[in-house]
Amino acid sequence: MTLPQQTQVLIIGAGAAGLMCAAVAGARGRQVILVDHANKVGKKILMSGGGRCNFTNLDVLPKNYLSANEHFCKSALARFTQWDFIGLVLKHGIPYHEKKLGQLFCDNKAQDILNLLLDECAQAGADIHTHCEILSVAALTEDQLPARYKVSTSLGTIVCESLVIATGGLSIPTMGATGIGYQLAEQFKLPLKPRSAGLVPFTLAPDQLQQFSACIGNAVEVNICCGEHSFTENMLFTHRGLSGPAILQISSYWQPGQTLVINLLPHMDLASYLTMQQQQRPKVLLTTFISELLTKNIAQCFCDSFYGTQRDENGSVNSIEKQARPINQYMPKEIQAIAELFHAWELMPAGTEGYRTAEVTLGGVDVDYLSSKTMAVKHQPGLFFIGEVVDVTGHLGGFNFQWAWASGYAAAHFV
């Protein structure tokens, strides 16, 4: 199906932000066409939250977002809040629940959220086209107003008054992510902040992987720090390194070469606990106590490092400098050293898994060149950037979807 020759609003990218913008702009009476190069819309919506879509959070605050301009996100988030989106969810009769930490998920499946957006677009008369590759974009001269842009696509050429770029970032390229939004930004003289993978698992060096090979598949709640930033959530040992919510959260703040400090027992004072156990259960081995607090494999790996134990890939002991002893045989200095090992494990990751598994892209279009009220480019009339393509990135937990809804809503009132 070919595109119409003209429209009032053309939106490139049929993800969360693009669909929201199309629905709201259409409801205002604007003629809207939404295009996407993929074979179907909303792919990241469908795969998010384990297929149940963590569509927003009960506690959305500007501090939950990373940007070179920490104030930019405030206007849009204030004008379309989590409660506004929850209102849409209720309007469409979608059952949902709070999982933890204010995170809201569909009871059934993410398709419910996509259907909500598609229904809103249909009611608003927004016209959606898939399999539509963008070939070129050109600004028209002032004497051609109200048309401002001419867009050449694989489905034909179309002119529009307002052009909205909602193309997302570089994360999960298998879902169709491309860098076209950044290319268009550069075409129109918009600076880009450095981009990198965010909300992404860490990889470990081969010797680190061997050291913790017995822990693969084990999860534990930790407090993890990188500089002044810290999160308390679950951490998972994987075949490549470390994952889980705590790791994904801190990854957005980590830079190569930085050391993480991980507290494996964030809710207790291990030194006091072990000292007490010296009186109550003096003949029990240290590893037994730690196994009661963590998984057996995690306890064994960390106790091995304290004892100086070396194990081969099959888990067999090669050499031991110190043997495990009953808890009453440990001196106070040793107890303190053991506590520091578990409360302040210092680790330098080898890197991250990159865009292949990253949930978001950090950086993007410099927001100082956009209006925080309208999402429009200040020096280029009729051009808007929304969603992940701009330099606003949320924490894990529904915050990135809320930014998509809010930025799409903001632009929709001015396109």
Protein backbone atom coordinates (compact mmCIF):
# COMPACT_ATOMS: atom_id res chain seq x y z
CA MET A 1 0.00 0.00 0.00
CA THR A 2 1.43 3.38 -1.03
CA LEU A 3 1.39 6.42 1.21
CA PRO A 4 -0.85 9.43 0.59
CA GLN A 5 0.97 12.30 -1.06
CA GLN A 6 0.53 14.62 1.90
CA THR A 7 -0.50 14.79 5.54
CA GLN A 8 -0.49 17.28 8.37
CA VAL A 9 1.59 15.10 10.73
CA LEU A 10 4.04 12.36 9.79
CA ILE A 11 5.49 10.27 12.64
CA ILE A 12 8.49 8.01 11.95
CA GLY A 13 8.62 5.09 14.37
CA ALA A 14 5.64 3.10 15.64
CA GLY A 15 6.92 2.24 19.10
CA ALA A 16 5.55 3.44 22.43
CA ALA A 17 6.26 7.16 21.90
CA GLY A 18 5.16 7.22 18.26
CA LEU A 19 1.89 5.41 18.91
CA MET A 20 1.04 7.70 21.83
CA CYS A 21 1.81 10.80 19.79
CA ALA A 22 -0.29 9.54 16.87
CA ALA A 23 -3.29 8.78 19.08
CA VAL A 24 -3.26 12.15 20.88
CA ALA A 25 -2.55 14.24 17.77
CA GLY A 26 -5.29 12.43 15.87
CA ALA A 27 -7.72 13.02 18.73
CA ARG A 28 -6.97 16.75 18.37
CA GLY A 29 -8.26 16.53 14.83
CA ARG A 30 -4.89 16.47 13.10
CA GLN A 31 -4.40 14.27 10.05
CA VAL A 32 -1.76 11.76 11.17
CA ILE A 33 0.25 9.13 9.31
CA LEU A 34 2.54 6.85 11.33
CA VAL A 35 5.19 4.78 9.52
CA ASP A 36 7.62 2.07 10.63
CA HIS A 37 10.17 0.03 8.73
CA ALA A 38 9.35 -3.16 10.67
CA ASN A 39 6.74 -5.76 9.71
CA LYS A 40 4.64 -4.91 12.78
CA VAL A 41 4.41 -2.13 15.32
CA GLY A 42 5.29 -2.06 19.01
CA LYS A 43 7.77 -4.93 19.08
CA LYS A 44 9.60 -3.69 22.19
CA ILE A 45 6.27 -3.25 23.95
CA LEU A 46 5.45 -6.89 23.29
CA MET A 47 8.75 -8.25 24.63
CA SER A 48 9.01 -5.94 27.63
CA GLY A 49 8.53 -7.06 31.21
CA GLY A 50 8.88 -10.72 30.32
CA GLY A 51 5.94 -10.36 27.93
CA ARG A 52 3.73 -8.57 30.46
CA CYS A 53 4.91 -4.99 29.86
CA ASN A 54 6.00 -2.94 32.86
CA PHE A 55 4.01 0.01 31.47
CA THR A 56 4.69 2.61 34.18
CA ASN A 57 5.63 3.11 37.83
CA LEU A 58 3.64 4.48 40.76
CA ASP A 59 6.54 6.71 41.81
CA VAL A 60 7.75 8.60 38.74
CA LEU A 61 10.17 11.38 39.65
CA PRO A 62 12.78 13.32 37.63
CA LYS A 63 15.51 11.67 39.73
CA ASN A 64 14.61 8.38 38.01
CA TYR A 65 16.04 9.71 34.74
CA LEU A 66 19.52 10.27 33.33
CA SER A 67 20.19 13.22 31.04
CA ALA A 68 22.87 15.83 30.52
CA ASN A 69 20.08 18.31 31.40
CA GLU A 70 18.42 16.88 34.50
CA HIS A 71 15.57 19.42 34.31
CA PHE A 72 14.45 18.72 30.74
CA CYS A 73 12.15 15.78 31.50
CA LYS A 74 10.19 17.61 34.23
CA SER A 75 7.74 19.46 31.99
CA ALA A 76 6.53 16.47 29.96
CA LEU A 77 6.39 14.15 32.98
CA ALA A 78 4.28 16.68 34.87
CA ARG A 79 1.75 17.12 32.04
CA PHE A 80 1.18 13.41 31.38
CA THR A 81 1.72 11.46 34.58
CA GLN A 82 1.65 7.79 35.49
CA TRP A 83 -1.91 8.36 36.72
CA ASP A 84 -2.94 9.56 33.27
CA PHE A 85 -1.66 6.39 31.67
CA ILE A 86 -3.23 4.25 34.40
CA GLY A 87 -6.47 6.02 33.51
CA LEU A 88 -6.10 4.79 29.93
CA VAL A 89 -5.41 1.27 31.18
CA LEU A 90 -8.59 1.36 33.27
CA LYS A 91 -10.58 2.85 30.38
CA HIS A 92 -9.64 -0.17 28.26
CA GLY A 93 -10.41 -2.62 31.05
CA ILE A 94 -6.86 -4.00 31.24
CA PRO A 95 -6.17 -5.89 34.49
CA TYR A 96 -2.82 -5.02 36.06
CA HIS A 97 -0.86 -5.39 39.28
CA GLU A 98 2.05 -3.88 41.17
CA LYS A 99 4.94 -6.31 41.18
CA LYS A 100 7.35 -4.44 43.50
CA LEU A 101 8.86 -1.00 43.95
CA GLY A 102 5.86 0.63 42.25
CA GLN A 103 6.32 -1.35 39.03
CA LEU A 104 2.99 -1.92 37.22
CA PHE A 105 2.56 -4.95 34.93
CA CYS A 106 -0.32 -6.36 32.89
CA ASP A 107 -1.99 -9.36 34.53
CA ASN A 108 -2.23 -11.06 31.15
CA LYS A 109 0.16 -9.99 28.40
CA ALA A 110 1.87 -6.99 26.83
CA GLN A 111 -0.40 -7.26 23.81
CA ASP A 112 -3.05 -5.59 25.98
CA ILE A 113 -1.02 -2.36 26.08
CA LEU A 114 -0.31 -2.49 22.35
CA ASN A 115 -4.00 -3.05 21.66
CA LEU A 116 -4.81 -0.03 23.86
CA LEU A 117 -2.55 2.17 21.75
CA LEU A 118 -3.81 0.76 18.46
CA ASP A 119 -7.42 1.24 19.54
CA GLU A 120 -6.69 4.84 20.53
CA CYS A 121 -5.00 5.43 17.16
CA ALA A 122 -7.95 3.89 15.29
CA GLN A 123 -10.47 6.01 17.20
CA ALA A 124 -8.40 9.11 16.41
CA GLY A 125 -8.13 8.24 12.71
CA ALA A 126 -4.36 7.86 12.70
CA ASP A 127 -3.20 5.92 9.64
CA ILE A 128 -0.45 3.33 10.32
CA HIS A 129 1.87 1.90 7.65
CA THR A 130 4.47 -0.85 8.25
CA HIS A 131 7.25 -2.11 5.92
CA CYS A 132 8.01 1.57 5.22
CA GLU A 133 11.70 2.37 4.91
CA ILE A 134 12.78 6.01 5.09
CA LEU A 135 15.00 6.89 2.12
CA SER A 136 15.47 10.63 2.60
CA VAL A 137 14.08 13.67 4.41
CA ALA A 138 14.27 17.22 3.09
CA ALA A 139 13.10 20.55 4.50
CA LEU A 140 10.95 22.59 2.12
CA THR A 141 11.25 26.32 1.54
CA GLU A 142 9.02 28.85 3.26
CA ASP A 143 7.04 29.53 0.08
CA GLN A 144 5.77 25.94 0.24
CA LEU A 145 4.04 26.42 3.61
CA PRO A 146 2.10 24.87 5.31
CA ALA A 147 4.10 21.86 4.04
CA ARG A 148 7.54 21.85 5.67
CA TYR A 149 9.08 18.44 4.93
CA LYS A 150 9.31 16.08 2.00
CA VAL A 151 9.95 12.47 2.99
CA SER A 152 10.89 9.83 0.46
CA THR A 153 10.05 6.26 1.53
CA SER A 154 9.82 2.76 0.08
CA LEU A 155 6.05 3.30 -0.06
CA GLY A 156 6.21 6.60 -1.91
CA THR A 157 6.94 10.26 -1.27
CA ILE A 158 4.90 12.34 1.19
CA VAL A 159 4.97 15.97 2.33
CA CYS A 160 3.94 17.05 5.83
CA GLU A 161 3.56 20.09 8.03
CA SER A 162 5.00 18.44 11.16
CA LEU A 163 7.57 15.66 11.25
CA VAL A 164 8.01 13.62 14.46
CA ILE A 165 11.05 11.40 14.94
CA ALA A 166 10.19 8.52 17.31
CA THR A 167 12.69 5.98 16.05
CA GLY A 168 14.05 4.78 19.40
CA GLY A 169 17.67 3.94 20.13
CA LEU A 170 20.20 1.27 19.20
CA SER A 171 19.24 -1.32 21.82
CA ILE A 172 18.22 -4.85 20.76
CA PRO A 173 18.97 -4.61 17.02
CA THR A 174 17.23 -7.96 16.43
CA MET A 175 13.98 -6.11 17.18
CA GLY A 176 14.72 -3.73 14.32
CA ALA A 177 16.59 -0.93 16.10
CA THR A 178 18.52 1.38 13.75
CA GLY A 179 20.37 4.66 14.05
CA ILE A 180 18.18 6.59 11.59
CA GLY A 181 16.91 8.97 14.27
CA TYR A 182 20.46 10.04 15.05
CA GLN A 183 21.24 10.42 11.35
CA LEU A 184 18.24 12.74 10.92
CA ALA A 185 19.30 14.72 13.96
CA GLU A 186 22.75 15.26 12.49
CA GLN A 187 21.21 16.19 9.12
CA PHE A 188 19.37 19.03 10.83
CA LYS A 189 22.42 20.19 12.82
CA LEU A 190 21.34 18.72 16.16
CA PRO A 191 24.27 17.68 18.40
CA LEU A 192 24.22 14.20 19.88
CA LYS A 193 25.30 13.22 23.36
CA PRO A 194 27.55 10.11 23.43
CA ARG A 195 25.49 6.94 23.13
CA SER A 196 26.06 3.66 24.96
CA ALA A 197 24.15 0.59 26.09
CA GLY A 198 22.11 1.09 29.26
CA LEU A 199 20.20 -1.30 31.53
CA VAL A 200 22.53 -4.05 30.32
CA PRO A 201 24.23 -7.11 31.91
CA PHE A 202 27.96 -7.05 32.75
CA THR A 203 30.52 -9.45 31.34
CA LEU A 204 33.40 -10.81 33.41
CA ALA A 205 36.94 -11.78 32.48
CA PRO A 206 37.69 -15.51 31.94
CA ASP A 207 39.40 -15.91 35.32
CA GLN A 208 36.44 -14.24 37.05
CA LEU A 209 34.01 -16.50 35.21
CA GLN A 210 35.96 -19.56 36.30
CA GLN A 211 36.05 -18.35 39.91
CA PHE A 212 32.27 -18.00 40.02
CA SER A 213 31.33 -20.81 37.63
CA ALA A 214 29.58 -22.76 40.39
CA CYS A 215 27.33 -19.73 41.03
CA ILE A 216 25.79 -19.62 37.54
CA GLY A 217 22.03 -19.42 37.85
CA ASN A 218 22.19 -18.30 41.50
CA ALA A 219 20.49 -15.04 42.48
CA VAL A 220 20.84 -12.93 45.62
CA GLU A 221 19.61 -9.53 46.78
CA VAL A 222 22.51 -7.10 46.94
CA ASN A 223 23.29 -3.44 47.34
CA ILE A 224 25.53 -2.36 44.51
CA CYS A 225 27.44 0.92 44.32
CA CYS A 226 29.19 2.75 41.52
CA GLY A 227 30.52 6.09 42.65
CA GLU A 228 27.69 7.96 44.38
CA HIS A 229 24.96 5.80 42.86
CA SER A 230 23.59 2.65 44.47
CA PHE A 231 20.69 0.21 44.10
CA THR A 232 19.34 -2.61 46.25
CA GLU A 233 17.83 -5.33 44.07
CA ASN A 234 18.50 -8.90 42.95
CA MET A 235 21.73 -9.89 41.19
CA LEU A 236 22.11 -13.00 39.02
CA PHE A 237 25.30 -14.90 38.13
CA THR A 238 25.26 -15.86 34.43
CA HIS A 239 27.45 -17.72 31.92
CA ARG A 240 28.79 -14.35 30.72
CA GLY A 241 28.93 -12.47 33.99
CA LEU A 242 26.32 -10.69 36.10
CA SER A 243 22.72 -9.68 35.41
CA GLY A 244 19.50 -9.07 37.32
CA PRO A 245 17.78 -5.78 38.23
CA ALA A 246 20.59 -4.46 40.45
CA ILE A 247 23.14 -4.95 37.68
CA LEU A 248 20.94 -3.45 34.97
CA GLN A 249 20.26 -0.37 37.11
CA ILE A 250 23.89 0.34 37.99
CA SER A 251 25.08 -0.35 34.42
CA SER A 252 23.62 2.99 33.30
CA TYR A 253 26.08 4.77 35.60
CA TRP A 254 29.14 2.56 35.08
CA GLN A 255 32.09 3.49 32.86
CA PRO A 256 34.77 1.03 31.66
CA GLY A 257 37.55 0.71 34.21
CA GLN A 258 35.36 1.58 37.18
CA THR A 259 35.14 -0.73 40.19
CA LEU A 260 31.80 -1.77 41.65
CA VAL A 261 31.30 -2.32 45.37
CA ILE A 262 28.74 -5.05 46.08
CA ASN A 263 27.21 -5.81 49.48
CA LEU A 264 26.01 -9.42 49.32
CA LEU A 265 24.27 -9.13 52.70
CA PRO A 266 22.80 -5.62 52.72
CA HIS A 267 20.28 -6.19 55.50
CA MET A 268 22.55 -7.43 58.26
CA ASP A 269 25.83 -6.88 60.11
CA LEU A 270 27.76 -10.06 59.34
CA ALA A 271 30.56 -9.41 61.85
CA SER A 272 28.09 -9.07 64.74
CA TYR A 273 26.17 -12.10 63.55
CA LEU A 274 29.26 -14.33 63.37
CA THR A 275 30.53 -13.08 66.73
CA MET A 276 27.21 -14.04 68.26
CA GLN A 277 27.36 -17.46 66.61
CA GLN A 278 30.79 -18.06 68.17
CA GLN A 279 28.95 -18.25 71.49
CA GLN A 280 25.80 -20.00 70.37
CA ARG A 281 27.09 -22.55 67.82
CA PRO A 282 30.88 -22.62 68.32
CA LYS A 283 31.62 -25.89 66.47
CA VAL A 284 29.79 -25.04 63.23
CA LEU A 285 31.92 -24.27 60.14
CA LEU A 286 31.99 -20.78 58.60
CA THR A 287 30.71 -22.09 55.28
CA THR A 288 27.66 -23.53 57.00
CA PHE A 289 26.71 -20.16 58.45
CA ILE A 290 27.18 -18.34 55.13
CA SER A 291 25.21 -21.03 53.30
CA GLU A 292 22.28 -20.30 55.62
CA LEU A 293 22.39 -16.64 54.53
CA LEU A 294 23.17 -17.05 50.81
CA THR A 295 22.99 -19.97 48.40
CA LYS A 296 25.38 -22.83 49.09
CA ASN A 297 27.34 -22.21 45.88
CA ILE A 298 27.76 -18.47 46.48
CA ALA A 299 28.81 -19.13 50.06
CA GLN A 300 31.35 -21.72 48.97
CA CYS A 301 32.88 -19.53 46.24
CA PHE A 302 33.40 -16.56 48.54
CA CYS A 303 34.63 -18.65 51.45
CA ASP A 304 37.06 -20.30 49.03
CA SER A 305 38.48 -16.88 48.17
CA PHE A 306 38.94 -16.13 51.87
CA TYR A 307 40.65 -19.46 52.52
CA GLY A 308 42.80 -19.16 49.41
CA THR A 309 41.14 -22.18 47.83
CA GLN A 310 41.66 -22.79 44.12
CA ARG A 311 39.15 -24.98 42.27
CA ASP A 312 39.31 -26.34 38.73
CA GLU A 313 36.45 -26.10 36.22
CA ASN A 314 34.92 -29.27 37.70
CA GLY A 315 34.80 -27.75 41.19
CA SER A 316 37.61 -29.90 42.59
CA VAL A 317 40.02 -28.33 45.09
CA ASN A 318 43.57 -27.92 43.75
CA SER A 319 45.22 -26.34 46.76
CA ILE A 320 44.21 -24.83 50.08
CA GLU A 321 46.29 -22.41 52.09
CA LYS A 322 43.86 -22.37 54.98
CA GLN A 323 41.35 -25.00 55.98
CA ALA A 324 37.80 -24.15 56.95
CA ARG A 325 37.52 -24.06 60.73
CA PRO A 326 34.76 -24.05 63.32
CA ILE A 327 33.52 -20.51 63.91
CA ASN A 328 34.96 -20.33 67.45
CA GLN A 329 38.52 -20.63 66.06
CA TYR A 330 38.36 -17.28 64.20
CA MET A 331 40.04 -14.26 65.72
CA PRO A 332 38.18 -10.90 65.75
CA LYS A 333 40.37 -9.57 62.91
CA GLU A 334 39.48 -12.60 60.80
CA ILE A 335 35.77 -12.15 61.52
CA GLN A 336 36.05 -8.53 60.40
CA ALA A 337 37.89 -9.55 57.23
CA ILE A 338 35.19 -12.09 56.40
CA ALA A 339 32.50 -9.44 56.93
CA GLU A 340 34.30 -7.01 54.63
CA LEU A 341 34.53 -9.69 51.95
CA PHE A 342 30.75 -10.11 51.88
CA HIS A 343 29.76 -6.50 52.60
CA ALA A 344 32.24 -4.79 50.28
CA TRP A 345 33.08 -7.11 47.40
CA GLU A 346 35.05 -5.04 44.91
CA LEU A 347 34.64 -6.07 41.29
CA MET A 348 35.73 -4.56 37.99
CA PRO A 349 33.58 -5.91 35.13
CA ALA A 350 35.27 -6.68 31.83
CA GLY A 351 32.51 -4.81 30.01
CA THR A 352 28.83 -5.08 29.15
CA GLU A 353 26.88 -7.26 26.74
CA GLY A 354 26.30 -4.14 24.62
CA TYR A 355 23.29 -3.18 22.53
CA ARG A 356 22.51 -6.84 21.82
CA THR A 357 20.78 -7.22 25.19
CA ALA A 358 20.57 -3.61 26.43
CA GLU A 359 17.07 -2.44 27.27
CA VAL A 360 17.82 1.19 26.42
CA THR A 361 20.30 3.50 24.73
CA LEU A 362 21.93 6.15 26.90
CA GLY A 363 22.56 9.56 25.35
CA GLY A 364 21.09 10.72 22.05
CA VAL A 365 19.72 14.03 20.78
CA ASP A 366 20.98 16.92 22.92
CA VAL A 367 17.85 18.13 24.73
CA ASP A 368 19.21 21.68 25.04
CA TYR A 369 18.25 22.07 21.37
CA LEU A 370 14.65 20.95 22.02
CA SER A 371 11.75 22.69 23.74
CA SER A 372 10.93 20.85 26.96
CA LYS A 373 7.31 21.94 26.53
CA THR A 374 6.75 20.86 22.92
CA MET A 375 9.67 18.48 22.11
CA ALA A 376 10.21 20.61 18.98
CA VAL A 377 13.63 21.49 17.61
CA LYS A 378 14.22 25.13 18.53
CA HIS A 379 15.90 26.12 15.28
CA GLN A 380 13.91 23.91 12.89
CA PRO A 381 10.13 24.63 12.77
CA GLY A 382 7.85 21.61 12.58
CA LEU A 383 10.50 19.02 13.56
CA PHE A 384 10.05 17.03 16.79
CA PHE A 385 12.05 14.31 18.58
CA ILE A 386 10.39 12.08 21.22
CA GLY A 387 11.07 8.93 23.23
CA GLU A 388 14.34 7.04 23.47
CA VAL A 389 16.06 8.87 20.61
CA VAL A 390 16.58 11.91 22.86
CA ASP A 391 19.02 12.16 25.76
CA VAL A 392 16.57 11.07 28.48
CA THR A 393 16.90 7.55 29.88
CA GLY A 394 14.88 6.10 32.73
CA HIS A 395 15.74 3.60 35.42
CA LEU A 396 14.46 0.05 35.20
CA GLY A 397 10.87 -0.30 36.38
CA GLY A 398 8.48 1.32 33.88
CA PHE A 399 10.18 4.72 33.77
CA ASN A 400 11.21 4.52 30.11
CA PHE A 401 7.67 3.72 29.02
CA GLN A 402 6.41 6.66 31.07
CA TRP A 403 8.89 8.91 29.26
CA ALA A 404 7.62 7.54 25.94
CA TRP A 405 4.00 8.28 26.89
CA ALA A 406 4.81 11.72 28.30
CA SER A 407 7.09 12.94 25.50
CA GLY A 408 4.69 11.63 22.85
CA TYR A 409 1.77 13.37 24.57
CA ALA A 410 3.72 16.63 24.86
CA ALA A 411 4.62 16.75 21.16
CA ALA A 412 1.12 15.72 20.07
CA HIS A 413 -0.34 19.00 21.33
CA PHE A 414 1.93 21.08 19.11
CA VAL A 415 2.32 19.10 15.88
